Protein backbone atom coordinates (compact mmCIF):
# COMPACT_ATOMS: atom_id res chain seq x y z
CA MET A 1 0.00 0.00 0.00
CA ASP A 2 1.37 3.33 -1.00
CA TYR A 3 1.06 6.30 1.35
CA SER A 4 1.46 9.92 0.34
CA GLY A 5 2.33 11.05 3.91
CA SER A 6 3.53 9.73 7.23
CA THR A 7 1.74 9.37 10.50
CA SER A 8 3.03 10.08 14.04
CA LEU A 9 2.07 8.24 17.17
CA GLU A 10 2.79 11.44 19.31
CA THR A 11 0.05 13.97 19.98
CA PRO A 12 1.19 17.50 19.08
CA PRO A 13 1.02 20.04 21.97
CA PRO A 14 -1.82 22.51 21.87
CA GLU A 15 -1.03 25.71 20.00
CA GLY A 16 -1.76 27.92 23.04
CA ASN A 17 0.68 26.09 25.33
CA SER A 18 3.45 26.32 22.72
CA PHE A 19 3.02 30.11 22.42
CA TRP A 20 3.25 30.73 26.18
CA SER A 21 6.28 28.52 26.56
CA ARG A 22 8.09 30.43 23.84
CA LEU A 23 7.07 33.72 25.46
CA LYS A 24 8.46 32.60 28.81
CA LYS A 25 11.73 31.50 27.23
CA ALA A 26 12.07 34.86 25.46
CA PHE A 27 11.21 37.18 28.35
CA GLY A 28 12.29 35.07 31.30
CA PRO A 29 15.92 36.28 31.29
CA LEU A 30 14.76 39.87 30.91
CA ALA A 31 12.53 39.54 33.97
CA VAL A 32 15.41 38.12 36.01
CA ALA A 33 17.68 40.95 34.87
CA GLY A 34 15.02 43.48 35.81
CA VAL A 35 14.74 42.06 39.31
CA LEU A 36 18.52 42.19 39.76
CA ILE A 37 18.68 45.79 38.52
CA ALA A 38 15.87 46.79 40.88
CA LYS A 39 17.69 45.22 43.83
CA PHE A 40 20.92 46.96 42.79
CA PHE A 41 19.32 50.41 42.66
CA ALA A 42 17.47 49.74 45.90
CA LYS A 43 20.85 49.29 47.58
CA LEU A 44 22.13 52.50 45.98
CA LYS A 45 19.18 54.66 47.00
CA PHE A 46 21.06 56.05 50.00
CA LEU A 47 23.80 57.20 47.63
CA LEU A 48 21.64 58.42 44.75
CA LEU A 49 19.24 60.53 46.80
CA PRO A 50 21.96 62.76 48.33
CA MET A 51 23.52 63.14 44.88
CA LEU A 52 20.22 64.39 43.49
CA LYS A 53 20.19 67.10 46.17
CA PHE A 54 23.47 68.44 44.79
CA LEU A 55 22.29 68.32 41.16
CA PRO A 56 21.32 72.01 41.02
CA ILE A 57 24.77 72.93 42.40
CA LEU A 58 26.50 70.74 39.83
CA LEU A 59 24.48 72.28 37.01
CA LYS A 60 25.12 75.81 38.26
CA SER A 61 28.85 75.43 38.83
CA GLY A 62 29.50 72.95 36.02
CA GLY A 63 27.46 74.93 33.51
CA THR A 64 29.36 78.16 34.11
CA MET A 65 32.64 76.21 33.99
CA LEU A 66 31.79 74.79 30.56
CA LEU A 67 30.79 78.24 29.33
CA MET A 68 34.12 79.69 30.44
CA VAL A 69 36.09 76.79 28.92
CA TRP A 70 34.30 77.37 25.62
CA VAL A 71 35.01 81.12 25.66
CA TYR A 72 38.73 80.72 26.39
CA ALA A 73 39.04 77.75 24.03
CA MET A 74 37.82 79.99 21.21
CA MET A 75 40.55 82.49 22.03
CA TRP A 76 43.56 80.36 23.04
CA GLY A 77 42.71 76.74 22.25
CA TRP A 78 40.93 74.06 24.25
CA LYS A 79 44.02 72.91 26.17
CA PHE A 80 44.64 76.33 27.64
CA GLY A 81 40.92 76.89 28.19
CA VAL A 82 40.53 73.70 30.23
CA GLY A 83 43.74 74.27 32.18
CA PHE A 84 42.94 77.90 32.97
CA VAL A 85 39.45 77.12 34.26
CA LEU A 86 40.78 74.25 36.37
CA LEU A 87 43.27 76.63 37.96
CA LEU A 88 40.40 78.99 38.82
CA LEU A 89 38.47 76.07 40.29
CA VAL A 90 41.44 75.10 42.48
CA HIS A 91 41.68 78.71 43.69
CA GLU A 92 37.99 78.84 44.61
CA CYS A 93 38.18 75.43 46.31
CA GLY A 94 40.81 76.95 48.61
CA HIS A 95 38.27 79.55 49.78
CA LEU A 96 35.59 76.87 50.02
CA LEU A 97 37.64 74.49 52.17
CA VAL A 98 38.70 77.15 54.66
CA ALA A 99 35.18 78.58 54.90
CA LYS A 100 33.82 75.10 55.59
CA LYS A 101 36.49 74.59 58.26
CA PHE A 102 35.19 77.66 60.10
CA GLY A 103 31.59 76.45 59.70
CA LEU A 104 30.54 79.16 57.24
CA LYS A 105 27.78 78.44 54.74
CA VAL A 106 28.98 78.99 51.18
CA GLY A 107 27.58 78.57 47.68
CA ALA A 108 29.07 76.61 44.81
CA PRO A 109 31.74 78.31 42.67
CA VAL A 110 30.35 80.41 39.81
CA PHE A 111 32.49 81.23 36.77
CA ILE A 112 32.17 84.43 34.73
CA PRO A 113 34.24 84.80 31.53
CA PHE A 114 36.88 87.57 31.72
CA MET A 115 36.02 88.21 35.39
CA GLY A 116 37.13 84.95 36.99
CA ALA A 117 35.16 82.99 39.54
CA PHE A 118 33.70 83.49 42.99
CA ILE A 119 31.93 81.72 45.81
CA ALA A 120 29.13 83.44 47.70
CA LEU A 121 29.38 83.48 51.49
CA LYS A 122 25.85 82.93 52.78
CA GLU A 123 26.88 84.27 56.19
CA ALA A 124 29.45 86.88 57.09
CA PRO A 125 32.69 85.91 58.87
CA ARG A 126 32.52 86.53 62.61
CA ASN A 127 35.73 88.56 62.73
CA ALA A 128 38.63 89.86 60.63
CA TRP A 129 40.81 86.83 61.42
CA ILE A 130 38.29 84.41 59.89
CA GLU A 131 37.82 86.74 56.91
CA ALA A 132 41.59 86.80 56.36
CA CYS A 133 41.90 83.00 56.63
CA VAL A 134 39.14 82.47 54.07
CA GLY A 135 40.72 85.12 51.86
CA ILE A 136 44.20 83.61 51.84
CA GLY A 137 42.93 80.06 51.37
CA GLY A 138 42.24 80.68 47.67
CA PRO A 139 45.65 82.12 46.70
CA MET A 140 47.48 79.44 48.70
CA LEU A 141 45.75 76.51 47.01
CA GLY A 142 45.74 78.37 43.68
CA SER A 143 49.49 78.91 43.94
CA PHE A 144 49.96 75.20 44.56
CA GLY A 145 47.92 74.51 41.40
CA ALA A 146 50.21 76.80 39.40
CA LEU A 147 53.24 75.04 40.89
CA VAL A 148 51.83 71.69 39.73
CA CYS A 149 51.55 73.12 36.19
CA ASN A 150 55.15 74.33 36.42
CA SER A 151 56.28 70.86 37.50
CA LEU A 152 54.33 69.21 34.67
CA GLY A 153 56.01 71.56 32.22
CA GLU A 154 59.41 70.46 33.50
CA MET A 155 58.41 66.80 33.50
CA PHE A 156 56.95 66.66 29.99
CA ASP A 157 58.88 69.58 28.48
CA ALA A 158 55.53 71.10 27.43
CA PRO A 159 55.26 74.91 27.01
CA ILE A 160 51.48 74.84 27.57
CA PHE A 161 52.07 74.02 31.23
CA PHE A 162 54.60 76.83 31.64
CA ALA A 163 52.05 79.25 30.16
CA LEU A 164 49.37 77.99 32.56
CA ALA A 165 51.79 78.23 35.47
CA TRP A 166 52.66 81.86 34.63
CA PHE A 167 49.01 82.87 34.37
CA GLY A 168 48.25 80.98 37.59
CA TYR A 169 51.00 82.80 39.47
CA PHE A 170 49.94 86.14 38.02
CA LEU A 171 46.22 85.77 38.83
CA ASN A 172 46.90 84.74 42.41
CA LEU A 173 49.37 87.62 42.81
CA PHE A 174 46.85 90.10 41.39
CA ASN A 175 44.25 88.77 43.83
CA LEU A 176 46.63 89.56 46.70
CA THR A 177 46.43 93.30 45.93
CA PRO A 178 45.33 94.73 49.31
CA VAL A 179 42.17 96.44 48.24
CA GLY A 180 38.41 96.08 48.59
CA MET A 181 36.78 93.07 47.05
CA LEU A 182 40.02 91.24 46.15
CA ASP A 183 41.42 88.51 48.39
CA GLY A 184 44.26 90.79 49.50
CA GLY A 185 41.79 93.32 50.85
CA ARG A 186 40.23 90.66 53.04
CA ILE A 187 43.60 89.31 54.18
CA VAL A 188 45.10 92.63 55.32
CA ALA A 189 41.97 93.28 57.40
CA ALA A 190 43.68 91.10 60.02
CA MET A 191 46.94 93.10 59.70
CA SER A 192 46.14 96.77 59.15
CA ARG A 193 43.18 98.23 57.32
CA TRP A 194 45.39 101.17 56.25
CA LEU A 195 47.06 98.84 53.76
CA TRP A 196 43.93 99.36 51.68
CA LEU A 197 45.27 102.80 50.72
CA PRO A 198 48.49 101.69 48.96
CA GLY A 199 46.56 98.81 47.42
CA PHE A 200 43.99 101.25 46.07
CA ALA A 201 46.74 103.48 44.68
CA VAL A 202 48.41 100.52 42.93
CA LEU A 203 45.10 99.50 41.38
CA VAL A 204 44.39 103.04 40.14
CA TRP A 205 47.90 103.17 38.63
CA MET A 206 47.32 99.84 36.88
CA GLY A 207 44.00 101.04 35.49
CA TRP A 208 45.58 104.29 34.28
CA THR A 209 48.67 102.80 32.64
CA HIS A 210 46.99 99.63 31.35
CA PRO A 211 43.32 100.52 30.78
CA ASN A 212 41.16 97.55 31.66
CA PHE A 213 37.44 97.36 32.44
CA ILE A 214 37.90 94.72 35.17
CA VAL A 215 40.56 96.75 36.98
CA TRP A 216 38.37 99.86 37.02
CA LEU A 217 35.41 97.80 38.18
CA VAL A 218 37.47 96.63 41.16
CA VAL A 219 38.59 100.22 41.80
CA PHE A 220 35.03 101.51 42.06
CA ALA A 221 33.88 98.48 44.06
CA SER A 222 36.68 99.18 46.56
CA LEU A 223 35.68 102.78 47.24
CA PRO A 224 33.31 102.03 50.17
CA ARG A 225 36.06 100.25 52.13
CA VAL A 226 38.57 103.01 51.45
CA TYR A 227 36.00 105.58 52.57
CA SER A 228 35.38 103.63 55.79
CA LEU A 229 38.98 104.37 56.86
CA PHE A 230 38.14 108.05 57.34
CA ARG A 231 34.96 107.78 59.36
CA LYS A 232 34.46 106.90 62.99
CA ARG A 233 34.21 103.18 63.60
CA THR A 234 31.30 101.73 65.53
CA GLU A 235 31.79 99.49 68.55
CA GLU A 236 30.76 96.50 66.45
CA GLU A 237 33.41 97.35 63.83
CA ARG A 238 36.09 97.72 66.51
CA GLN A 239 35.29 94.27 67.86
CA TYR A 240 35.27 92.81 64.36
CA PHE A 241 38.80 94.05 63.56
CA GLU A 242 40.32 93.00 66.89
CA VAL A 243 43.05 90.37 66.35
CA THR A 244 45.78 89.05 68.62
CA PRO A 245 49.45 89.91 67.94
CA ALA A 246 50.11 86.23 67.12
CA GLN A 247 47.33 86.22 64.53
CA ARG A 248 48.61 89.47 63.00
CA TRP A 249 52.16 88.15 62.70
CA THR A 250 51.01 84.80 61.33
CA MET A 251 48.92 86.42 58.60
CA SER A 252 51.71 88.90 57.78
CA ILE A 253 54.22 86.08 57.25
CA LEU A 254 51.79 84.07 55.12
CA TYR A 255 50.74 87.11 53.06
CA PHE A 256 54.12 88.63 52.26
CA GLY A 257 55.75 85.22 51.93
CA LEU A 258 53.13 84.19 49.37
CA ILE A 259 53.67 87.42 47.41
CA ALA A 260 57.42 86.72 47.25
CA ALA A 261 56.86 83.08 46.23
CA LEU A 262 54.43 84.06 43.45
CA ALA A 263 56.77 86.74 42.09
CA LEU A 264 59.57 84.18 41.99
CA GLY A 265 57.25 81.64 40.32
CA MET A 266 56.34 84.14 37.60
CA TYR A 267 60.01 84.85 36.97
CA ILE A 268 60.88 81.16 36.68
CA ALA A 269 57.87 80.32 34.47
CA HIS A 270 58.63 83.28 32.21
CA ASN A 271 62.24 82.18 31.76
CA GLU A 272 61.22 78.59 31.05
CA LEU A 273 58.69 79.80 28.51
CA SER A 274 61.15 82.17 26.81
CA ASP A 275 63.92 79.58 26.58
CA HIS A 276 61.71 76.80 25.23
CA PRO A 277 62.29 75.97 21.53
CA ALA A 278 58.55 76.01 20.82
CA ARG A 279 58.41 79.65 21.93
CA ARG A 280 60.36 80.77 18.87
CA HIS A 281 57.78 79.13 16.60
CA GLY A 282 54.79 80.52 18.44
CA VAL A 283 53.64 77.09 19.63
CA ILE A 284 52.56 77.79 23.19
CA VAL A 285 48.86 77.23 23.66
CA GLN A 286 47.78 75.03 20.82
């Protein structure tokens, strides 16, 4: 007998059961992975939630940093732009760390192209000594950042790092000018407020001989403090500016020693930059 087909003694599984079994095989591993991921994030919730609280700060500080990097990168190349902004960040972190040490509430660093960066103190220092410590914290850490750039230039024989070091030394030295809103004006408050006068005169001379909008902005912003030298101080002001002889000597040594170190650093970085072979071909920033 001839047969056109074959027969099977096994009963085929119902169509519905076959569909669900295939579905389970396809999505089963995904379900297991989902459970594992959920457990993983459940363990991280104590880490993620505090990070979310700092998100606005990161956006505020990080956003202005990126803007400044972009502006300076357009002018001097991305390497210099990144390095310059990082040096500013290191400087501001110096203020931030010292302010935190004294228990002061501070905001995140904010960067403004061509004007630098700043942190906002949400509460005033309790006395001139604390104000001076917070003020000198930025230039001290900023100077260390410039020194690191100088060392990297020596290590890798790269002129870009010498250029960054010179600018780092210069910016921290400029900030030590003893006048008004600059760090130097806050530092000498623990030494002698009358140092604001020569600092003001130096700043006016700089603005006159090298016209610059930022310099004149600092000059006008410093006028209220200079004016305060010639009026009668209140009892509250007298208490604020009271410092011990030990504190005055300590701040004087740190302040004038840092000025000397920065001037020497600028001299060394300038010589390294001038003597480098790349300097003669104009290859410094790029």
